[in-house]
Structures are given as structure tokens and as C-alpha cells.
Amino acid sequence: MSTTNQWQELFGNGRKWRVAEEVTGVVAERGYPATFTRGRFELPVGVAYRSLLSTNLGRRGVLLVETNASGSRDIPGSRIAVGEAAVSRARTEFSAVW
């Protein structure tokens, strides 16, 4: 995976994130339907997204929402899409995803 070296910026310094599990259903963004299941999504064949963490394109990913330090409140406008491997790394290396 080719990375953009934004790991520390997004997940370091005590920043906390959670999977947006409340997001379920089909959302048409820019005319393409994305199917969400408890914060995880898949795009149709031929459509891809680019995460802030990678220069590679992907069709599947996870929607994260930044929270305050205790996890009791979401930070408005903080949603980002990343791959499953990124969530796993953010959990193990930074303890940043609830």
C-alpha cells in the first residue's frame, strides 16, 4: 500500500475515532450508489475512492467519525473514508479507533 504519510496527523496526539455504525443503506454520492452496512461500505464495480491515507484507489472501506477524547461526543464534519487495513493499523499502532 502506498501511503500519504498522514498517519500521525490523523491518529496521533490522542485523536480518537469510531466507526460510523449508524450509517446503513444506499447513498448516492456524485451519482454513484455506495452501499453502507454499519459504517462499512462498498462502491459499484468501476467506481473507486481515494483515502486520505493512501494513494491507491479502493472500492470497499470504513467510514470513521472523530470523537472527543472520551468518545462521548462526535466532532461535526469529521467523517473520513479509509480501508479496513487502515482501521486495523490505527487501532494497534495509535489506539485511535474505539
PDB file of N, CA and C in Angstrom:
ATOM      1  N   MET A   1       0.851  -1.164   0.000  1.00  0.00           N
ATOM      2  CA  MET A   1       0.000   0.000   0.000  1.00  0.00           C
ATOM      3  C   MET A   1       0.902   1.234   0.000  1.00  0.00           C
ATOM      4  N   SER A   2       0.649   2.132  -0.895  1.00  0.00           N
ATOM      5  CA  SER A   2       1.384   3.389  -0.941  1.00  0.00           C
ATOM      6  C   SER A   2       0.666   4.401  -0.055  1.00  0.00           C
ATOM      7  N   THR A   3       1.372   4.946   0.933  1.00  0.00           N
ATOM      8  CA  THR A   3       0.711   5.822   1.900  1.00  0.00           C
ATOM      9  C   THR A   3       1.026   7.293   1.661  1.00  0.00           C
ATOM     10  N   THR A   4       0.217   8.140   2.258  1.00  0.00           N
ATOM     11  CA  THR A   4       0.379   9.588   2.127  1.00  0.00           C
ATOM     12  C   THR A   4       1.060  10.208   3.345  1.00  0.00           C
ATOM     13  N   ASN A   5       1.515   9.371   4.274  1.00  0.00           N
ATOM     14  CA  ASN A   5       2.232   9.832   5.467  1.00  0.00           C
ATOM     15  C   ASN A   5       1.422  10.785   6.345  1.00  0.00           C
ATOM     16  N   GLN A   6       0.115  10.588   6.421  1.00  0.00           N
ATOM     17  CA  GLN A   6      -0.738  11.404   7.279  1.00  0.00           C
ATOM     18  C   GLN A   6      -1.193  10.657   8.527  1.00  0.00           C
ATOM     19  N   TRP A   7      -0.568   9.534   8.826  1.00  0.00           N
ATOM     20  CA  TRP A   7      -0.989   8.713   9.955  1.00  0.00           C
ATOM     21  C   TRP A   7      -0.915   9.477  11.274  1.00  0.00           C
ATOM     22  N   GLN A   8       0.223  10.086  11.541  1.00  0.00           N
ATOM     23  CA  GLN A   8       0.406  10.814  12.791  1.00  0.00           C
ATOM     24  C   GLN A   8      -0.581  11.976  12.885  1.00  0.00           C
ATOM     25  N   GLU A   9      -0.766  12.681  11.795  1.00  0.00           N
ATOM     26  CA  GLU A   9      -1.682  13.824  11.784  1.00  0.00           C
ATOM     27  C   GLU A   9      -3.114  13.403  12.100  1.00  0.00           C
ATOM     28  N   LEU A  10      -3.559  12.291  11.533  1.00  0.00           N
ATOM     29  CA  LEU A  10      -4.941  11.849  11.730  1.00  0.00           C
ATOM     30  C   LEU A  10      -5.154  11.057  13.020  1.00  0.00           C
ATOM     31  N   PHE A  11      -4.185  10.256  13.410  1.00  0.00           N
ATOM     32  CA  PHE A  11      -4.408   9.336  14.522  1.00  0.00           C
ATOM     33  C   PHE A  11      -3.515   9.563  15.725  1.00  0.00           C
ATOM     34  N   GLY A  12      -2.535  10.431  15.628  1.00  0.00           N
ATOM     35  CA  GLY A  12      -1.636  10.690  16.741  1.00  0.00           C
ATOM     36  C   GLY A  12      -2.158  11.762  17.674  1.00  0.00           C
ATOM     37  N   ASN A  13      -1.368  12.081  18.668  1.00  0.00           N
ATOM     38  CA  ASN A  13      -1.676  13.158  19.620  1.00  0.00           C
ATOM     39  C   ASN A  13      -3.017  12.976  20.337  1.00  0.00           C
ATOM     40  N   GLY A  14      -3.390  11.720  20.574  1.00  0.00           N
ATOM     41  CA  GLY A  14      -4.607  11.456  21.333  1.00  0.00           C
ATOM     42  C   GLY A  14      -5.911  11.577  20.570  1.00  0.00           C
ATOM     43  N   ARG A  15      -5.853  11.795  19.258  1.00  0.00           N
ATOM     44  CA  ARG A  15      -7.102  11.871  18.491  1.00  0.00           C
ATOM     45  C   ARG A  15      -7.805  10.517  18.531  1.00  0.00           C
ATOM     46  N   LYS A  16      -9.128  10.538  18.629  1.00  0.00           N
ATOM     47  CA  LYS A  16      -9.929   9.316  18.717  1.00  0.00           C
ATOM     48  C   LYS A  16     -10.988   9.310  17.622  1.00  0.00           C
ATOM     49  N   TRP A  17     -11.265   8.126  17.116  1.00  0.00           N
ATOM     50  CA  TRP A  17     -12.236   7.924  16.042  1.00  0.00           C
ATOM     51  C   TRP A  17     -13.114   6.722  16.387  1.00  0.00           C
ATOM     52  N   ARG A  18     -14.263   6.671  15.749  1.00  0.00           N
ATOM     53  CA  ARG A  18     -15.137   5.498  15.861  1.00  0.00           C
ATOM     54  C   ARG A  18     -15.679   5.170  14.480  1.00  0.00           C
ATOM     55  N   VAL A  19     -16.079   3.920  14.282  1.00  0.00           N
ATOM     56  CA  VAL A  19     -16.737   3.522  13.044  1.00  0.00           C
ATOM     57  C   VAL A  19     -18.162   4.067  13.097  1.00  0.00           C
ATOM     58  N   ALA A  20     -18.608   4.691  12.028  1.00  0.00           N
ATOM     59  CA  ALA A  20     -19.952   5.278  11.956  1.00  0.00           C
ATOM     60  C   ALA A  20     -20.975   4.167  11.727  1.00  0.00           C
ATOM     61  N   GLU A  21     -21.177   3.333  12.755  1.00  0.00           N
ATOM     62  CA  GLU A  21     -22.049   2.160  12.631  1.00  0.00           C
ATOM     63  C   GLU A  21     -23.506   2.510  12.382  1.00  0.00           C
ATOM     64  N   GLU A  22     -23.899   3.742  12.647  1.00  0.00           N
ATOM     65  CA  GLU A  22     -25.280   4.142  12.398  1.00  0.00           C
ATOM     66  C   GLU A  22     -25.573   4.341  10.916  1.00  0.00           C
ATOM     67  N   VAL A  23     -24.535   4.351  10.084  1.00  0.00           N
ATOM     68  CA  VAL A  23     -24.715   4.571   8.647  1.00  0.00           C
ATOM     69  C   VAL A  23     -24.944   3.227   7.967  1.00  0.00           C
ATOM     70  N   THR A  24     -26.185   3.016   7.535  1.00  0.00           N
ATOM     71  CA  THR A  24     -26.587   1.794   6.848  1.00  0.00           C
ATOM     72  C   THR A  24     -27.571   2.174   5.746  1.00  0.00           C
ATOM     73  N   GLY A  25     -27.416   1.553   4.596  1.00  0.00           N
ATOM     74  CA  GLY A  25     -28.307   1.832   3.475  1.00  0.00           C
ATOM     75  C   GLY A  25     -27.510   2.218   2.246  1.00  0.00           C
ATOM     76  N   VAL A  26     -28.220   2.709   1.245  1.00  0.00           N
ATOM     77  CA  VAL A  26     -27.591   3.108  -0.009  1.00  0.00           C
ATOM     78  C   VAL A  26     -27.592   4.624  -0.093  1.00  0.00           C
ATOM     79  N   VAL A  27     -26.414   5.169  -0.362  1.00  0.00           N
ATOM     80  CA  VAL A  27     -26.253   6.613  -0.503  1.00  0.00           C
ATOM     81  C   VAL A  27     -25.698   6.876  -1.892  1.00  0.00           C
ATOM     82  N   ALA A  28     -26.327   7.788  -2.626  1.00  0.00           N
ATOM     83  CA  ALA A  28     -25.841   8.139  -3.957  1.00  0.00           C
ATOM     84  C   ALA A  28     -25.032   9.427  -3.854  1.00  0.00           C
ATOM     85  N   GLU A  29     -23.720   9.278  -3.873  1.00  0.00           N
ATOM     86  CA  GLU A  29     -22.815  10.422  -3.821  1.00  0.00           C
ATOM     87  C   GLU A  29     -22.231  10.621  -5.206  1.00  0.00           C
ATOM     88  N   ARG A  30     -22.390  11.813  -5.762  1.00  0.00           N
ATOM     89  CA  ARG A  30     -21.897  12.118  -7.112  1.00  0.00           C
ATOM     90  C   ARG A  30     -22.487  11.176  -8.146  1.00  0.00           C
ATOM     91  N   GLY A  31     -23.719  10.721  -7.908  1.00  0.00           N
ATOM     92  CA  GLY A  31     -24.415   9.873  -8.861  1.00  0.00           C
ATOM     93  C   GLY A  31     -24.116   8.391  -8.767  1.00  0.00           C
ATOM     94  N   TYR A  32     -23.190   7.990  -7.901  1.00  0.00           N
ATOM     95  CA  TYR A  32     -22.839   6.581  -7.757  1.00  0.00           C
ATOM     96  C   TYR A  32     -23.330   6.069  -6.420  1.00  0.00           C
ATOM     97  N   PRO A  33     -24.034   4.922  -6.414  1.00  0.00           N
ATOM     98  CA  PRO A  33     -24.544   4.390  -5.147  1.00  0.00           C
ATOM     99  C   PRO A  33     -23.450   3.704  -4.329  1.00  0.00           C
ATOM    100  N   ALA A  34     -23.369   4.060  -3.079  1.00  0.00           N
ATOM    101  CA  ALA A  34     -22.485   3.380  -2.133  1.00  0.00           C
ATOM    102  C   ALA A  34     -23.381   2.631  -1.159  1.00  0.00           C
ATOM    103  N   THR A  35     -23.122   1.360  -0.970  1.00  0.00           N
ATOM    104  CA  THR A  35     -23.904   0.547  -0.058  1.00  0.00           C
ATOM    105  C   THR A  35     -23.180   0.474   1.284  1.00  0.00           C
ATOM    106  N   PHE A  36     -23.840   0.981   2.328  1.00  0.00           N
ATOM    107  CA  PHE A  36     -23.284   1.001   3.673  1.00  0.00           C
ATOM    108  C   PHE A  36     -23.949  -0.048   4.550  1.00  0.00           C
ATOM    109  N   THR A  37     -23.155  -0.739   5.332  1.00  0.00           N
ATOM    110  CA  THR A  37     -23.633  -1.674   6.340  1.00  0.00           C
ATOM    111  C   THR A  37     -22.857  -1.406   7.616  1.00  0.00           C
ATOM    112  N   ARG A  38     -23.526  -0.736   8.560  1.00  0.00           N
ATOM    113  CA  ARG A  38     -22.924  -0.400   9.857  1.00  0.00           C
ATOM    114  C   ARG A  38     -21.562   0.282   9.714  1.00  0.00           C
ATOM    115  N   GLY A  39     -21.499   1.265   8.822  1.00  0.00           N
ATOM    116  CA  GLY A  39     -20.299   2.066   8.646  1.00  0.00           C
ATOM    117  C   GLY A  39     -19.290   1.522   7.654  1.00  0.00           C
ATOM    118  N   ARG A  40     -19.491   0.301   7.209  1.00  0.00           N
ATOM    119  CA  ARG A  40     -18.618  -0.260   6.179  1.00  0.00           C
ATOM    120  C   ARG A  40     -19.329  -0.110   4.842  1.00  0.00           C
ATOM    121  N   PHE A  41     -18.555   0.183   3.791  1.00  0.00           N
ATOM    122  CA  PHE A  41     -19.204   0.454   2.520  1.00  0.00           C
ATOM    123  C   PHE A  41     -18.522  -0.248   1.360  1.00  0.00           C
ATOM    124  N   GLU A  42     -19.295  -0.340   0.278  1.00  0.00           N
ATOM    125  CA  GLU A  42     -18.784  -0.881  -0.973  1.00  0.00           C
ATOM    126  C   GLU A  42     -19.340  -0.039  -2.112  1.00  0.00           C
ATOM    127  N   LEU A  43     -18.472   0.271  -3.058  1.00  0.00           N
ATOM    128  CA  LEU A  43     -18.860   1.022  -4.245  1.00  0.00           C
ATOM    129  C   LEU A  43     -19.052   0.051  -5.398  1.00  0.00           C
ATOM    130  N   PRO A  44     -19.843   0.428  -6.414  1.00  0.00           N
ATOM    131  CA  PRO A  44     -20.051  -0.468  -7.553  1.00  0.00           C
ATOM    132  C   PRO A  44     -18.759  -0.693  -8.349  1.00  0.00           C
ATOM    133  N   VAL A  45     -18.722  -1.770  -9.110  1.00  0.00           N
ATOM    134  CA  VAL A  45     -17.589  -2.067  -9.982  1.00  0.00           C
ATOM    135  C   VAL A  45     -17.372  -0.871 -10.916  1.00  0.00           C
ATOM    136  N   GLY A  46     -16.126  -0.480 -11.065  1.00  0.00           N
ATOM    137  CA  GLY A  46     -15.787   0.644 -11.931  1.00  0.00           C
ATOM    138  C   GLY A  46     -15.750   1.986 -11.226  1.00  0.00           C
ATOM    139  N   VAL A  47     -16.122   2.013  -9.939  1.00  0.00           N
ATOM    140  CA  VAL A  47     -16.106   3.248  -9.145  1.00  0.00           C
ATOM    141  C   VAL A  47     -15.169   3.021  -7.963  1.00  0.00           C
ATOM    142  N   ALA A  48     -14.353   4.020  -7.637  1.00  0.00           N
ATOM    143  CA  ALA A  48     -13.405   3.869  -6.542  1.00  0.00           C
ATOM    144  C   ALA A  48     -13.257   5.195  -5.798  1.00  0.00           C
ATOM    145  N   TYR A  49     -12.683   5.118  -4.606  1.00  0.00           N
ATOM    146  CA  TYR A  49     -12.405   6.314  -3.806  1.00  0.00           C
ATOM    147  C   TYR A  49     -10.935   6.303  -3.422  1.00  0.00           C
ATOM    148  N   ARG A  50     -10.433   7.449  -3.025  1.00  0.00           N
ATOM    149  CA  ARG A  50      -9.057   7.550  -2.525  1.00  0.00           C
ATOM    150  C   ARG A  50      -9.114   8.028  -1.086  1.00  0.00           C
ATOM    151  N   SER A  51      -8.549   7.256  -0.197  1.00  0.00           N
ATOM    152  CA  SER A  51      -8.469   7.599   1.215  1.00  0.00           C
ATOM    153  C   SER A  51      -7.431   8.697   1.431  1.00  0.00           C
ATOM    154  N   LEU A  52      -7.559   9.416   2.541  1.00  0.00           N
ATOM    155  CA  LEU A  52      -6.538  10.397   2.909  1.00  0.00           C
ATOM    156  C   LEU A  52      -5.214   9.718   3.262  1.00  0.00           C
ATOM    157  N   LEU A  53      -5.249   8.405   3.489  1.00  0.00           N
ATOM    158  CA  LEU A  53      -4.071   7.676   3.948  1.00  0.00           C
ATOM    159  C   LEU A  53      -3.335   6.919   2.854  1.00  0.00           C
ATOM    160  N   SER A  54      -3.904   6.835   1.662  1.00  0.00           N
ATOM    161  CA  SER A  54      -3.291   6.025   0.619  1.00  0.00           C
ATOM    162  C   SER A  54      -3.438   6.690  -0.746  1.00  0.00           C
ATOM    163  N   THR A  55      -2.473   6.426  -1.592  1.00  0.00           N
ATOM    164  CA  THR A  55      -2.572   6.916  -2.970  1.00  0.00           C
ATOM    165  C   THR A  55      -3.274   5.889  -3.847  1.00  0.00           C
ATOM    166  N   ASN A  56      -3.525   4.704  -3.307  1.00  0.00           N
ATOM    167  CA  ASN A  56      -4.234   3.664  -4.048  1.00  0.00           C
ATOM    168  C   ASN A  56      -5.736   3.906  -4.000  1.00  0.00           C
ATOM    169  N   LEU A  57      -6.435   3.453  -5.019  1.00  0.00           N
ATOM    170  CA  LEU A  57      -7.892   3.548  -5.060  1.00  0.00           C
ATOM    171  C   LEU A  57      -8.495   2.271  -4.480  1.00  0.00           C
ATOM    172  N   GLY A  58      -9.697   2.393  -3.913  1.00  0.00           N
ATOM    173  CA  GLY A  58     -10.382   1.236  -3.352  1.00  0.00           C
ATOM    174  C   GLY A  58     -11.878   1.302  -3.579  1.00  0.00           C
ATOM    175  N   ARG A  59     -12.527   0.157  -3.530  1.00  0.00           N
ATOM    176  CA  ARG A  59     -13.986   0.074  -3.664  1.00  0.00           C
ATOM    177  C   ARG A  59     -14.675  -0.185  -2.340  1.00  0.00           C
ATOM    178  N   ARG A  60     -13.935  -0.689  -1.354  1.00  0.00           N
ATOM    179  CA  ARG A  60     -14.508  -1.012  -0.047  1.00  0.00           C
ATOM    180  C   ARG A  60     -13.783  -0.216   1.020  1.00  0.00           C
ATOM    181  N   GLY A  61     -14.501   0.104   2.075  1.00  0.00           N
ATOM    182  CA  GLY A  61     -13.854   0.850   3.144  1.00  0.00           C
ATOM    183  C   GLY A  61     -14.720   0.993   4.364  1.00  0.00           C
ATOM    184  N   VAL A  62     -14.265   1.853   5.255  1.00  0.00           N
ATOM    185  CA  VAL A  62     -14.923   2.099   6.528  1.00  0.00           C
ATOM    186  C   VAL A  62     -15.060   3.601   6.708  1.00  0.00           C
ATOM    187  N   LEU A  63     -16.227   4.033   7.163  1.00  0.00           N
ATOM    188  CA  LEU A  63     -16.469   5.439   7.439  1.00  0.00           C
ATOM    189  C   LEU A  63     -16.172   5.694   8.911  1.00  0.00           C
ATOM    190  N   LEU A  64     -15.205   6.567   9.182  1.00  0.00           N
ATOM    191  CA  LEU A  64     -14.838   6.917  10.555  1.00  0.00           C
ATOM    192  C   LEU A  64     -15.348   8.311  10.889  1.00  0.00           C
ATOM    193  N   VAL A  65     -15.657   8.517  12.169  1.00  0.00           N
ATOM    194  CA  VAL A  65     -16.062   9.815  12.700  1.00  0.00           C
ATOM    195  C   VAL A  65     -15.153  10.123  13.882  1.00  0.00           C
ATOM    196  N   GLU A  66     -14.583  11.316  13.909  1.00  0.00           N
ATOM    197  CA  GLU A  66     -13.736  11.688  15.040  1.00  0.00           C
ATOM    198  C   GLU A  66     -14.610  12.006  16.245  1.00  0.00           C
ATOM    199  N   THR A  67     -14.121  11.633  17.421  1.00  0.00           N
ATOM    200  CA  THR A  67     -14.842  11.895  18.673  1.00  0.00           C
ATOM    201  C   THR A  67     -13.971  12.739  19.597  1.00  0.00           C
ATOM    202  N   ASN A  68     -14.575  13.208  20.664  1.00  0.00           N
ATOM    203  CA  ASN A  68     -13.772  13.860  21.702  1.00  0.00           C
ATOM    204  C   ASN A  68     -12.953  12.773  22.411  1.00  0.00           C
ATOM    205  N   ALA A  69     -12.084  13.158  23.312  1.00  0.00           N
ATOM    206  CA  ALA A  69     -11.156  12.218  23.961  1.00  0.00           C
ATOM    207  C   ALA A  69     -11.849  11.079  24.698  1.00  0.00           C
ATOM    208  N   SER A  70     -13.041  11.336  25.246  1.00  0.00           N
ATOM    209  CA  SER A  70     -13.753  10.293  25.991  1.00  0.00           C
ATOM    210  C   SER A  70     -14.656   9.441  25.100  1.00  0.00           C
ATOM    211  N   GLY A  71     -14.848   9.862  23.860  1.00  0.00           N
ATOM    212  CA  GLY A  71     -15.736   9.135  22.949  1.00  0.00           C
ATOM    213  C   GLY A  71     -17.195   9.441  23.147  1.00  0.00           C
ATOM    214  N   SER A  72     -17.512  10.431  23.978  1.00  0.00           N
ATOM    215  CA  SER A  72     -18.910  10.736  24.291  1.00  0.00           C
ATOM    216  C   SER A  72     -19.570  11.695  23.298  1.00  0.00           C
ATOM    217  N   ARG A  73     -18.776  12.332  22.452  1.00  0.00           N
ATOM    218  CA  ARG A  73     -19.345  13.308  21.508  1.00  0.00           C
ATOM    219  C   ARG A  73     -18.575  13.264  20.194  1.00  0.00           C
ATOM    220  N   ASP A  74     -19.312  13.285  19.082  1.00  0.00           N
ATOM    221  CA  ASP A  74     -18.701  13.335  17.759  1.00  0.00           C
ATOM    222  C   ASP A  74     -18.255  14.756  17.436  1.00  0.00           C
ATOM    223  N   ILE A  75     -17.208  14.862  16.635  1.00  0.00           N
ATOM    224  CA  ILE A  75     -16.741  16.147  16.135  1.00  0.00           C
ATOM    225  C   ILE A  75     -17.456  16.388  14.809  1.00  0.00           C
ATOM    226  N   PRO A  76     -18.304  17.431  14.707  1.00  0.00           N
ATOM    227  CA  PRO A  76     -19.048  17.680  13.464  1.00  0.00           C
ATOM    228  C   PRO A  76     -18.115  17.855  12.264  1.00  0.00           C
ATOM    229  N   GLY A  77     -18.531  17.265  11.138  1.00  0.00           N
ATOM    230  CA  GLY A  77     -17.785  17.411   9.890  1.00  0.00           C
ATOM    231  C   GLY A  77     -16.485  16.637   9.821  1.00  0.00           C
ATOM    232  N   SER A  78     -16.324  15.632  10.666  1.00  0.00           N
ATOM    233  CA  SER A  78     -15.038  14.930  10.748  1.00  0.00           C
ATOM    234  C   SER A  78     -15.017  13.567  10.052  1.00  0.00           C
ATOM    235  N   ARG A  79     -16.017  13.212   9.317  1.00  0.00           N
ATOM    236  CA  ARG A  79     -16.058  11.885   8.698  1.00  0.00           C
ATOM    237  C   ARG A  79     -14.961  11.719   7.646  1.00  0.00           C
ATOM    238  N   ILE A  80     -14.313  10.544   7.668  1.00  0.00           N
ATOM    239  CA  ILE A  80     -13.340  10.186   6.639  1.00  0.00           C
ATOM    240  C   ILE A  80     -13.550   8.732   6.239  1.00  0.00           C
ATOM    241  N   ALA A  81     -13.232   8.400   4.999  1.00  0.00           N
ATOM    242  CA  ALA A  81     -13.315   7.038   4.492  1.00  0.00           C
ATOM    243  C   ALA A  81     -11.900   6.474   4.405  1.00  0.00           C
ATOM    244  N   VAL A  82     -11.707   5.306   4.990  1.00  0.00           N
ATOM    245  CA  VAL A  82     -10.409   4.628   4.957  1.00  0.00           C
ATOM    246  C   VAL A  82     -10.645   3.141   4.724  1.00  0.00           C
ATOM    247  N   GLY A  83      -9.583   2.417   4.412  1.00  0.00           N
ATOM    248  CA  GLY A  83      -9.685   0.983   4.208  1.00  0.00           C
ATOM    249  C   GLY A  83      -9.671   0.222   5.531  1.00  0.00           C
ATOM    250  N   GLU A  84     -10.084  -1.034   5.481  1.00  0.00           N
ATOM    251  CA  GLU A  84     -10.083  -1.892   6.672  1.00  0.00           C
ATOM    252  C   GLU A  84      -8.681  -2.004   7.275  1.00  0.00           C
ATOM    253  N   ALA A  85      -7.663  -2.114   6.426  1.00  0.00           N
ATOM    254  CA  ALA A  85      -6.286  -2.239   6.927  1.00  0.00           C
ATOM    255  C   ALA A  85      -5.877  -0.983   7.695  1.00  0.00           C
ATOM    256  N   ALA A  86      -6.350   0.174   7.253  1.00  0.00           N
ATOM    257  CA  ALA A  86      -6.028   1.428   7.946  1.00  0.00           C
ATOM    258  C   ALA A  86      -6.671   1.464   9.325  1.00  0.00           C
ATOM    259  N   VAL A  87      -7.900   0.987   9.439  1.00  0.00           N
ATOM    260  CA  VAL A  87      -8.574   0.946  10.739  1.00  0.00           C
ATOM    261  C   VAL A  87      -7.802   0.027  11.679  1.00  0.00           C
ATOM    262  N   SER A  88      -7.382  -1.106  11.174  1.00  0.00           N
ATOM    263  CA  SER A  88      -6.626  -2.052  11.982  1.00  0.00           C
ATOM    264  C   SER A  88      -5.309  -1.425  12.462  1.00  0.00           C
ATOM    265  N   ARG A  89      -4.594  -0.750  11.570  1.00  0.00           N
ATOM    266  CA  ARG A  89      -3.338  -0.103  11.960  1.00  0.00           C
ATOM    267  C   ARG A  89      -3.580   1.027  12.954  1.00  0.00           C
ATOM    268  N   ALA A  90      -4.621   1.829  12.731  1.00  0.00           N
ATOM    269  CA  ALA A  90      -4.927   2.936  13.644  1.00  0.00           C
ATOM    270  C   ALA A  90      -5.253   2.411  15.041  1.00  0.00           C
ATOM    271  N   ARG A  91      -5.892   1.250  15.108  1.00  0.00           N
ATOM    272  CA  ARG A  91      -6.203   0.640  16.410  1.00  0.00           C
ATOM    273  C   ARG A  91      -4.946   0.131  17.099  1.00  0.00           C
ATOM    274  N   THR A  92      -4.129  -0.611  16.377  1.00  0.00           N
ATOM    275  CA  THR A  92      -2.975  -1.246  17.015  1.00  0.00           C
ATOM    276  C   THR A  92      -1.817  -0.284  17.254  1.00  0.00           C
ATOM    277  N   GLU A  93      -1.508   0.547  16.288  1.00  0.00           N
ATOM    278  CA  GLU A  93      -0.339   1.417  16.394  1.00  0.00           C
ATOM    279  C   GLU A  93      -0.605   2.697  17.187  1.00  0.00           C
ATOM    280  N   PHE A  94      -1.826   3.249  17.069  1.00  0.00           N
ATOM    281  CA  PHE A  94      -2.141   4.536  17.687  1.00  0.00           C
ATOM    282  C   PHE A  94      -3.213   4.453  18.774  1.00  0.00           C
ATOM    283  N   SER A  95      -3.889   3.313  18.914  1.00  0.00           N
ATOM    284  CA  SER A  95      -5.039   3.177  19.830  1.00  0.00           C
ATOM    285  C   SER A  95      -6.035   4.306  19.595  1.00  0.00           C
ATOM    286  N   ALA A  96      -6.286   4.593  18.317  1.00  0.00           N
ATOM    287  CA  ALA A  96      -7.077   5.769  17.943  1.00  0.00           C
ATOM    288  C   ALA A  96      -8.512   5.458  17.531  1.00  0.00           C
ATOM    289  N   VAL A  97      -8.842   4.187  17.309  1.00  0.00           N
ATOM    290  CA  VAL A  97     -10.204   3.845  16.888  1.00  0.00           C
ATOM    291  C   VAL A  97     -10.849   2.999  17.962  1.00  0.00           C
ATOM    292  N   TRP A  98     -12.007   3.452  18.444  1.00  0.00           N
ATOM    293  CA  TRP A  98     -12.748   2.736  19.502  1.00  0.00           C
ATOM    294  C   TRP A  98     -13.210   1.412  18.973  1.00  0.00           C
TER     295      TRP A  98
END
